[in-house]
Amino acid sequence: MCVLIVSLVVGMLAVARLTRLLVDDEITIGIRRWVIRRYGEDSKMAYFIHCPWCTSIWISALVMPVAVLLPVVWTVAALSIPAASMVTGLLNKWGS
């Protein structure tokens, strides 16, 4: 039971970080620009790539089943990378 709870928390933090990475971070601006060029600025795809609420649903649909159905050490370890990044960013933001 404890492993499942840890997997859920780590999975949620990983979803939050991956969403921020795709929607806000400078490193993925090329992806966002490509979507706008390909589908247009007023398209649903452009909206989805800029909407954290929309994007997080799709990311969580990919991440959370893995986190819940495979709550083993390697899954938690892999998801802990973006999760730790999210926590570190939040602590850094709150500390400023």
Foldseek 3Di string as FASTA:
>chain_A
DVLLVLLVLLLVLLLLLVLCCQQPDPVNVVVLVVQCVVANCPDPSNVQSNDSVNVSVVSCVVRVVCSNVPSDDVSSVVSNVSSVVSVVVVVVVVVD
